[in-house]
N, C-alpha and C. Protein backbone atom coordinates (compact mmCIF):
# COMPACT_ATOMS: atom_id res chain seq x y z
N UNK A 1 -31.07 -7.11 26.10
CA UNK A 1 -31.89 -6.38 25.08
C UNK A 1 -31.48 -7.69 24.15
N UNK A 2 -33.34 -7.76 23.64
CA UNK A 2 -33.49 -8.50 22.77
C UNK A 2 -34.08 -7.93 21.45
N UNK A 3 -33.37 -8.81 20.55
CA UNK A 3 -34.20 -7.70 19.19
C UNK A 3 -35.79 -8.25 18.82
N UNK A 4 -36.36 -7.70 17.85
CA UNK A 4 -37.67 -8.15 17.90
C UNK A 4 -37.55 -9.29 16.70
N UNK A 5 -38.47 -10.28 17.05
CA UNK A 5 -38.20 -11.28 16.05
C UNK A 5 -38.54 -11.41 14.29
N UNK A 6 -38.39 -10.33 13.72
CA UNK A 6 -38.32 -9.55 12.14
C UNK A 6 -37.39 -9.00 12.04
N UNK A 7 -37.06 -8.57 13.30
CA UNK A 7 -35.11 -8.18 13.02
C UNK A 7 -34.19 -9.04 13.39
N UNK A 8 -34.43 -9.77 13.94
CA UNK A 8 -33.39 -11.34 14.69
C UNK A 8 -33.18 -11.82 13.14
N UNK A 9 -34.11 -11.81 12.29
CA UNK A 9 -34.78 -13.19 11.19
C UNK A 9 -34.29 -12.37 10.22
N UNK A 10 -34.04 -11.00 9.97
CA UNK A 10 -33.82 -10.29 9.23
C UNK A 10 -31.70 -10.02 9.31
N UNK A 11 -31.84 -10.08 10.45
CA UNK A 11 -30.30 -10.12 10.91
C UNK A 11 -29.50 -11.39 10.61
N UNK A 12 -30.06 -12.52 11.22
CA UNK A 12 -29.73 -13.74 10.79
C UNK A 12 -29.45 -13.90 9.33
N UNK A 13 -30.30 -13.76 8.48
CA UNK A 13 -30.71 -13.97 7.02
C UNK A 13 -29.21 -13.03 6.44
N UNK A 14 -29.00 -11.93 6.45
CA UNK A 14 -28.35 -11.10 6.25
C UNK A 14 -27.24 -11.85 6.55
N UNK A 15 -27.07 -12.14 7.77
CA UNK A 15 -25.83 -12.51 7.99
C UNK A 15 -25.20 -14.16 7.30
N UNK A 16 -26.10 -14.53 7.05
CA UNK A 16 -25.82 -16.12 6.18
C UNK A 16 -25.48 -15.87 4.61
N UNK A 17 -25.99 -14.40 4.98
CA UNK A 17 -25.69 -14.23 2.54
C UNK A 17 -24.31 -13.65 2.97
N UNK A 18 -23.33 -13.77 3.90
CA UNK A 18 -22.05 -13.22 3.70
C UNK A 18 -21.55 -14.43 3.23
N UNK A 19 -20.38 -14.56 2.25
CA UNK A 19 -19.81 -14.99 1.41
C UNK A 19 -18.65 -15.98 2.70
N UNK A 20 -19.03 -16.73 2.63
CA UNK A 20 -17.63 -17.48 3.45
C UNK A 20 -16.36 -16.66 4.35
N UNK A 21 -15.67 -16.04 3.02
CA UNK A 21 -14.14 -15.71 3.04
C UNK A 21 -14.26 -13.69 3.44
N UNK A 22 -15.40 -13.56 3.81
CA UNK A 22 -16.06 -12.06 4.04
C UNK A 22 -15.35 -11.94 5.78
N UNK A 23 -14.97 -12.63 6.50
CA UNK A 23 -14.42 -12.46 7.76
C UNK A 23 -13.67 -13.00 8.44
N UNK A 24 -12.92 -13.66 7.05
CA UNK A 24 -11.46 -13.86 7.30
C UNK A 24 -10.05 -12.80 7.87
N UNK A 25 -10.06 -11.87 8.63
CA UNK A 25 -9.65 -11.31 9.92
C UNK A 25 -9.79 -11.78 10.69
N UNK A 26 -10.68 -12.53 11.24
CA UNK A 26 -10.77 -12.88 12.58
C UNK A 26 -9.76 -14.52 12.33
N UNK A 27 -9.28 -14.80 11.39
CA UNK A 27 -8.81 -16.48 11.43
C UNK A 27 -7.15 -16.25 11.49
N UNK A 28 -7.07 -15.02 11.34
CA UNK A 28 -5.75 -14.60 10.69
C UNK A 28 -4.72 -13.75 12.52
N UNK A 29 -4.46 -14.53 13.06
CA UNK A 29 -3.79 -13.88 14.03
C UNK A 29 -2.82 -12.61 13.81
N UNK A 30 -2.94 -11.16 15.23
CA UNK A 30 -3.02 -10.46 14.81
C UNK A 30 -2.82 -9.59 13.53
N UNK A 31 -3.77 -10.02 12.77
CA UNK A 31 -4.22 -9.23 12.01
C UNK A 31 -5.32 -7.65 12.42
N UNK A 32 -5.38 -6.47 12.18
CA UNK A 32 -6.54 -5.60 12.59
C UNK A 32 -7.57 -6.15 12.16
N UNK A 33 -8.47 -5.73 13.38
CA UNK A 33 -10.29 -6.94 13.27
C UNK A 33 -10.94 -5.30 12.47
N UNK A 34 -10.91 -4.10 12.98
CA UNK A 34 -11.69 -2.62 12.71
C UNK A 34 -10.71 -1.78 12.32
N UNK A 35 -11.70 -0.74 11.67
CA UNK A 35 -10.75 0.29 11.19
C UNK A 35 -9.75 0.76 12.23
N UNK A 36 -10.63 1.07 13.96
CA UNK A 36 -9.47 1.07 14.90
C UNK A 36 -8.21 1.03 15.22
N UNK A 37 -8.00 -0.34 14.53
CA UNK A 37 -7.01 -1.26 14.78
C UNK A 37 -6.51 -0.82 13.82
N UNK A 38 -6.72 -0.78 12.43
CA UNK A 38 -5.56 -0.43 11.30
C UNK A 38 -5.19 0.69 11.58
N UNK A 39 -6.15 1.72 12.35
CA UNK A 39 -5.63 3.77 11.65
C UNK A 39 -4.06 3.28 13.30
N UNK A 40 -4.77 2.43 14.27
CA UNK A 40 -3.18 2.69 15.46
C UNK A 40 -2.06 2.36 14.60
N UNK A 41 -2.78 0.69 14.07
CA UNK A 41 -0.84 0.45 13.17
C UNK A 41 -0.58 1.25 11.73
N UNK A 42 -1.23 2.32 11.46
CA UNK A 42 -0.73 3.42 10.29
C UNK A 42 -0.22 4.17 11.60
N UNK A 43 -0.82 4.37 12.92
CA UNK A 43 -0.63 5.86 13.32
C UNK A 43 1.04 5.57 14.07
N UNK A 44 1.31 3.97 14.76
CA UNK A 44 2.49 3.33 14.96
C UNK A 44 3.28 3.28 13.79
N UNK A 45 3.35 2.95 12.62
CA UNK A 45 4.72 3.28 11.89
C UNK A 45 4.50 4.42 11.05
N UNK A 46 3.83 5.36 11.50
CA UNK A 46 4.34 6.81 10.95
C UNK A 46 5.42 7.27 12.67
N UNK A 47 4.86 7.33 13.27
CA UNK A 47 5.13 7.57 14.51
C UNK A 47 7.09 6.70 14.76
N UNK A 48 6.89 5.99 14.07
CA UNK A 48 8.55 5.29 14.48
C UNK A 48 9.23 5.51 13.50
N UNK A 49 8.39 6.08 11.45
CA UNK A 49 8.82 6.35 10.74
C UNK A 49 9.71 7.91 11.46
N UNK A 50 9.06 8.64 11.89
CA UNK A 50 9.32 10.04 12.34
C UNK A 50 10.69 10.41 13.19
N UNK A 51 10.28 8.97 13.87
CA UNK A 51 11.42 8.75 15.26
C UNK A 51 12.13 8.70 14.27
N UNK A 52 12.59 7.38 13.63
CA UNK A 52 13.76 7.38 12.68
C UNK A 52 14.54 8.52 12.20
N UNK A 53 13.45 9.03 11.27
CA UNK A 53 14.57 9.61 10.42
C UNK A 53 14.37 11.38 10.66
N UNK A 54 13.44 11.55 11.30
CA UNK A 54 13.67 13.24 12.53
C UNK A 54 12.73 14.17 11.32
N UNK A 55 12.23 13.18 10.72
CA UNK A 55 10.55 13.90 9.47
C UNK A 55 9.70 14.33 10.66
N UNK A 56 8.84 15.83 10.42
CA UNK A 56 7.66 15.63 11.51
C UNK A 56 6.46 15.35 10.54
N UNK A 57 6.64 15.29 9.17
CA UNK A 57 5.60 14.02 8.36
C UNK A 57 5.93 13.21 7.76
N UNK A 58 5.39 12.19 7.68
CA UNK A 58 5.80 11.12 6.49
C UNK A 58 6.44 11.65 5.64
N UNK A 59 7.10 9.94 4.79
CA UNK A 59 7.90 10.58 3.85
C UNK A 59 7.10 10.53 2.90
N UNK A 60 7.71 10.57 1.71
CA UNK A 60 6.93 10.47 0.34
C UNK A 60 7.14 9.58 -0.18
N UNK A 61 8.07 8.58 0.31
CA UNK A 61 8.54 6.95 0.13
C UNK A 61 7.43 6.34 0.24
N UNK A 62 6.97 6.39 1.29
CA UNK A 62 5.72 5.76 1.74
C UNK A 62 4.75 5.14 0.65
N UNK A 63 3.98 6.30 0.24
CA UNK A 63 3.57 6.69 -0.84
C UNK A 63 4.18 5.21 -2.12
N UNK A 64 5.21 5.49 -2.82
CA UNK A 64 5.75 4.22 -3.28
C UNK A 64 5.91 3.68 -2.93
N UNK A 65 6.75 3.08 -1.45
CA UNK A 65 6.89 1.84 -0.85
C UNK A 65 6.11 1.20 0.23
N UNK A 66 4.89 1.67 0.30
CA UNK A 66 4.28 1.88 0.89
C UNK A 66 4.16 -0.03 1.62
N UNK A 67 4.07 -0.54 0.02
CA UNK A 67 2.81 -2.09 -0.16
C UNK A 67 4.65 -2.89 0.90
N UNK A 68 6.05 -2.58 0.72
CA UNK A 68 7.02 -3.14 1.41
C UNK A 68 7.32 -2.54 2.71
N UNK A 69 7.30 -1.24 3.07
CA UNK A 69 7.69 -1.59 4.42
C UNK A 69 6.58 -1.76 5.53
N UNK A 70 5.13 -1.14 4.95
CA UNK A 70 4.83 -1.32 5.99
C UNK A 70 4.29 -3.35 6.28
N UNK A 71 4.45 -3.83 5.10
CA UNK A 71 4.49 -5.51 5.00
C UNK A 71 5.82 -5.72 6.81
N UNK A 72 6.86 -4.44 5.93
CA UNK A 72 8.02 -5.31 6.88
C UNK A 72 8.13 -4.48 7.94
N UNK A 73 6.87 -3.16 8.32
CA UNK A 73 6.91 -2.88 9.73
C UNK A 73 5.76 -3.76 10.67
N UNK A 74 4.72 -4.40 9.72
CA UNK A 74 3.68 -5.32 10.30
C UNK A 74 4.44 -7.00 11.01
N UNK A 75 5.70 -7.52 9.98
CA UNK A 75 5.79 -8.51 10.24
C UNK A 75 7.00 -8.36 11.77
N UNK A 76 7.68 -6.93 11.42
CA UNK A 76 8.62 -7.03 12.59
C UNK A 76 8.55 -6.94 14.04
N UNK A 77 6.66 -6.53 13.95
CA UNK A 77 6.41 -6.41 14.94
C UNK A 77 6.21 -7.68 15.54
N UNK A 78 6.40 -8.22 15.00
CA UNK A 78 5.88 -9.82 15.71
C UNK A 78 6.98 -10.47 15.87
N UNK A 79 8.41 -10.60 15.27
CA UNK A 79 9.00 -11.47 15.91
C UNK A 79 10.21 -11.05 14.97
N UNK A 80 11.39 -10.89 14.62
CA UNK A 80 13.05 -10.18 14.30
C UNK A 80 12.82 -11.30 13.51
N UNK A 81 14.01 -11.35 12.73
CA UNK A 81 14.08 -12.34 11.31
C UNK A 81 15.45 -12.53 10.78
N UNK A 82 15.92 -13.40 10.69
CA UNK A 82 17.12 -13.82 10.00
C UNK A 82 17.82 -13.06 8.98
N UNK A 83 18.76 -13.21 8.60
CA UNK A 83 18.29 -12.34 7.97
C UNK A 83 18.66 -13.63 6.34
N UNK A 84 19.29 -14.59 6.12
CA UNK A 84 18.16 -16.21 5.60
C UNK A 84 17.10 -16.08 5.23
N UNK A 85 16.13 -15.58 6.29
CA UNK A 85 14.78 -15.27 5.81
C UNK A 85 14.17 -14.49 5.20
N UNK A 86 15.27 -13.23 4.85
CA UNK A 86 15.19 -11.91 4.61
C UNK A 86 14.88 -12.05 2.93
N UNK A 87 15.99 -12.98 2.49
CA UNK A 87 16.31 -13.53 0.42
C UNK A 87 15.37 -14.04 0.27
N UNK A 88 15.25 -13.05 -0.50
CA UNK A 88 14.16 -13.88 -1.72
C UNK A 88 14.02 -15.55 -1.93
N UNK A 89 12.59 -15.92 -2.16
CA UNK A 89 12.51 -17.20 -2.85
C UNK A 89 13.22 -17.53 -3.85
N UNK A 90 12.64 -16.66 -5.02
CA UNK A 90 13.11 -16.18 -6.30
C UNK A 90 13.81 -14.74 -6.49
N UNK A 91 14.68 -14.95 -6.79
CA UNK A 91 15.55 -13.45 -7.62
C UNK A 91 14.17 -13.20 -8.87
N UNK A 92 14.02 -13.43 -9.58
CA UNK A 92 12.58 -12.92 -10.36
C UNK A 92 11.46 -12.28 -9.70
N UNK A 93 10.87 -12.78 -8.88
CA UNK A 93 9.36 -12.29 -7.48
C UNK A 93 10.21 -11.34 -7.22
N UNK A 94 11.61 -11.30 -6.73
CA UNK A 94 11.91 -10.29 -6.57
C UNK A 94 12.42 -9.23 -7.19
N UNK A 95 12.65 -9.35 -8.65
CA UNK A 95 13.36 -8.32 -9.75
C UNK A 95 12.06 -7.77 -9.97
N UNK A 96 10.53 -8.35 -9.98
CA UNK A 96 8.90 -7.63 -10.81
C UNK A 96 8.87 -6.86 -9.11
N UNK A 97 8.81 -7.20 -8.24
CA UNK A 97 8.54 -6.68 -6.86
C UNK A 97 8.79 -4.83 -7.00
N UNK A 98 10.62 -5.36 -7.49
CA UNK A 98 11.72 -3.82 -7.91
C UNK A 98 11.03 -3.17 -8.79
N UNK A 99 10.86 -3.72 -9.85
CA UNK A 99 9.85 -2.73 -11.38
C UNK A 99 9.41 -2.60 -11.08
N UNK A 100 7.93 -3.13 -10.19
CA UNK A 100 6.47 -2.39 -9.86
C UNK A 100 6.85 -1.06 -9.09
N UNK A 101 8.15 -1.20 -7.80
CA UNK A 101 8.15 -0.04 -7.44
C UNK A 101 9.18 0.69 -8.27
N UNK A 102 9.66 0.30 -8.80
CA UNK A 102 10.16 1.43 -10.25
C UNK A 102 9.68 2.07 -10.87
N UNK A 103 8.45 1.73 -11.52
CA UNK A 103 6.83 1.95 -12.40
C UNK A 103 6.63 3.07 -11.86
N UNK A 104 6.29 3.00 -10.36
CA UNK A 104 5.43 3.70 -9.41
C UNK A 104 6.15 4.74 -9.04
N UNK A 105 6.94 5.18 -8.88
CA UNK A 105 8.03 6.22 -8.17
C UNK A 105 8.62 7.07 -9.87
N UNK A 106 8.52 5.94 -11.07
CA UNK A 106 8.69 7.34 -12.89
C UNK A 106 7.28 7.62 -12.81
N UNK A 107 6.30 7.07 -12.17
CA UNK A 107 5.44 7.62 -12.64
C UNK A 107 4.70 8.64 -11.70
N UNK A 108 5.33 8.62 -10.43
CA UNK A 108 5.83 10.23 -9.28
C UNK A 108 5.74 11.19 -9.90
N UNK A 109 7.12 10.63 -10.44
CA UNK A 109 8.30 11.75 -11.37
C UNK A 109 7.03 12.82 -12.43
N UNK A 110 6.77 12.15 -12.79
CA UNK A 110 6.05 12.51 -13.57
C UNK A 110 5.14 13.31 -13.68
N UNK A 111 3.73 12.77 -12.61
CA UNK A 111 2.77 13.38 -12.00
C UNK A 111 4.02 15.13 -11.44
N UNK A 112 4.81 14.53 -11.27
CA UNK A 112 5.71 16.27 -10.23
C UNK A 112 5.87 17.03 -11.30
N UNK A 113 6.70 16.56 -12.41
CA UNK A 113 7.20 17.41 -13.51
C UNK A 113 5.65 17.95 -14.37
N UNK A 114 4.63 17.25 -14.27
CA UNK A 114 3.59 18.16 -15.24
C UNK A 114 2.79 19.55 -13.78
N UNK A 115 2.96 18.94 -12.74
CA UNK A 115 2.67 19.81 -12.05
C UNK A 115 2.88 21.14 -11.51
N UNK A 116 4.67 20.92 -12.05
CA UNK A 116 5.49 21.69 -11.26
C UNK A 116 5.38 23.68 -12.74
N UNK A 117 5.32 22.85 -14.16
CA UNK A 117 5.29 23.60 -14.62
C UNK A 117 4.82 22.41 -16.32
N UNK A 118 3.55 22.51 -17.05
CA UNK A 118 2.70 22.12 -17.24
C UNK A 118 3.19 21.61 -19.26
N UNK A 119 2.93 23.74 -18.99
CA UNK A 119 3.58 24.18 -20.62
C UNK A 119 4.76 23.07 -21.26
N UNK A 120 5.74 23.53 -20.21
CA UNK A 120 7.03 22.37 -20.67
C UNK A 120 6.52 21.00 -21.06
N UNK A 121 6.27 20.50 -20.02
CA UNK A 121 6.13 18.98 -19.76
C UNK A 121 5.40 18.56 -21.07
N UNK A 122 4.04 19.43 -21.73
CA UNK A 122 3.59 19.14 -22.67
C UNK A 122 4.37 19.35 -24.01
N UNK A 123 5.07 19.98 -24.05
CA UNK A 123 5.66 20.55 -25.13
C UNK A 123 6.56 19.99 -25.45
N UNK A 124 7.67 18.95 -24.37
CA UNK A 124 8.65 17.76 -24.38
C UNK A 124 8.06 16.34 -24.75
N UNK A 125 6.60 16.61 -24.17
CA UNK A 125 6.06 15.45 -25.11
C UNK A 125 5.86 14.95 -26.21
N UNK A 126 5.52 16.72 -26.86
CA UNK A 126 4.96 16.81 -28.13
C UNK A 126 6.33 16.27 -28.67
N UNK A 127 7.52 16.81 -28.34
CA UNK A 127 8.69 17.20 -28.88
C UNK A 127 8.63 15.62 -29.58
N UNK A 128 9.06 15.20 -28.08
CA UNK A 128 9.39 13.14 -28.23
C UNK A 128 8.74 12.59 -29.53
N UNK A 129 7.16 12.72 -29.06
CA UNK A 129 6.25 12.00 -29.92
C UNK A 129 6.41 12.47 -31.60
N UNK A 130 6.76 14.07 -31.77
CA UNK A 130 7.70 13.99 -33.34
C UNK A 130 8.01 13.25 -33.49
N UNK A 131 9.53 13.22 -32.52
CA UNK A 131 11.03 12.69 -32.96
C UNK A 131 10.44 11.32 -33.54
N UNK A 132 9.17 10.44 -32.65
CA UNK A 132 9.24 9.28 -32.85
C UNK A 132 8.49 8.87 -33.89
N UNK A 133 7.15 9.99 -34.35
CA UNK A 133 6.43 9.88 -35.27
C UNK A 133 7.33 9.95 -36.82
N UNK A 134 8.36 11.42 -37.07
CA UNK A 134 8.94 11.62 -38.59
C UNK A 134 10.20 11.49 -37.61
N UNK A 135 11.31 10.58 -37.96
CA UNK A 135 12.46 10.59 -37.37
C UNK A 135 13.22 11.83 -38.24
N UNK A 136 14.75 11.98 -37.54
CA UNK A 136 14.91 12.63 -38.42
C UNK A 136 16.10 12.25 -40.07
């Protein structure tokens, strides 16, 4: 099928206007290129997690630690890793990642507490705030 010249010209013009890094995924081997490929990747992760844990649904920890778990899942599909390769390059980078994950966990816990009993949660926040403002 041949495109009309005006449409073909427009398509070429639009294609050229994309910045060079837009289609970066094509230069990285094993990176999912389409939404279907990406969904298949996440589906495979969910399948293996359910098989490993015995859970029927995805673990809530995926929300908290997905940035680590999904990367580990993707990397180990490519090749196995030695313990030396898994050691962090710098302890400070590892500590920063752990702190970010812990912060996310605490925020999720706070949201759950609020949803369960908003009145007592807000009363406790108010009491804590008053205690900071007006020390005993």
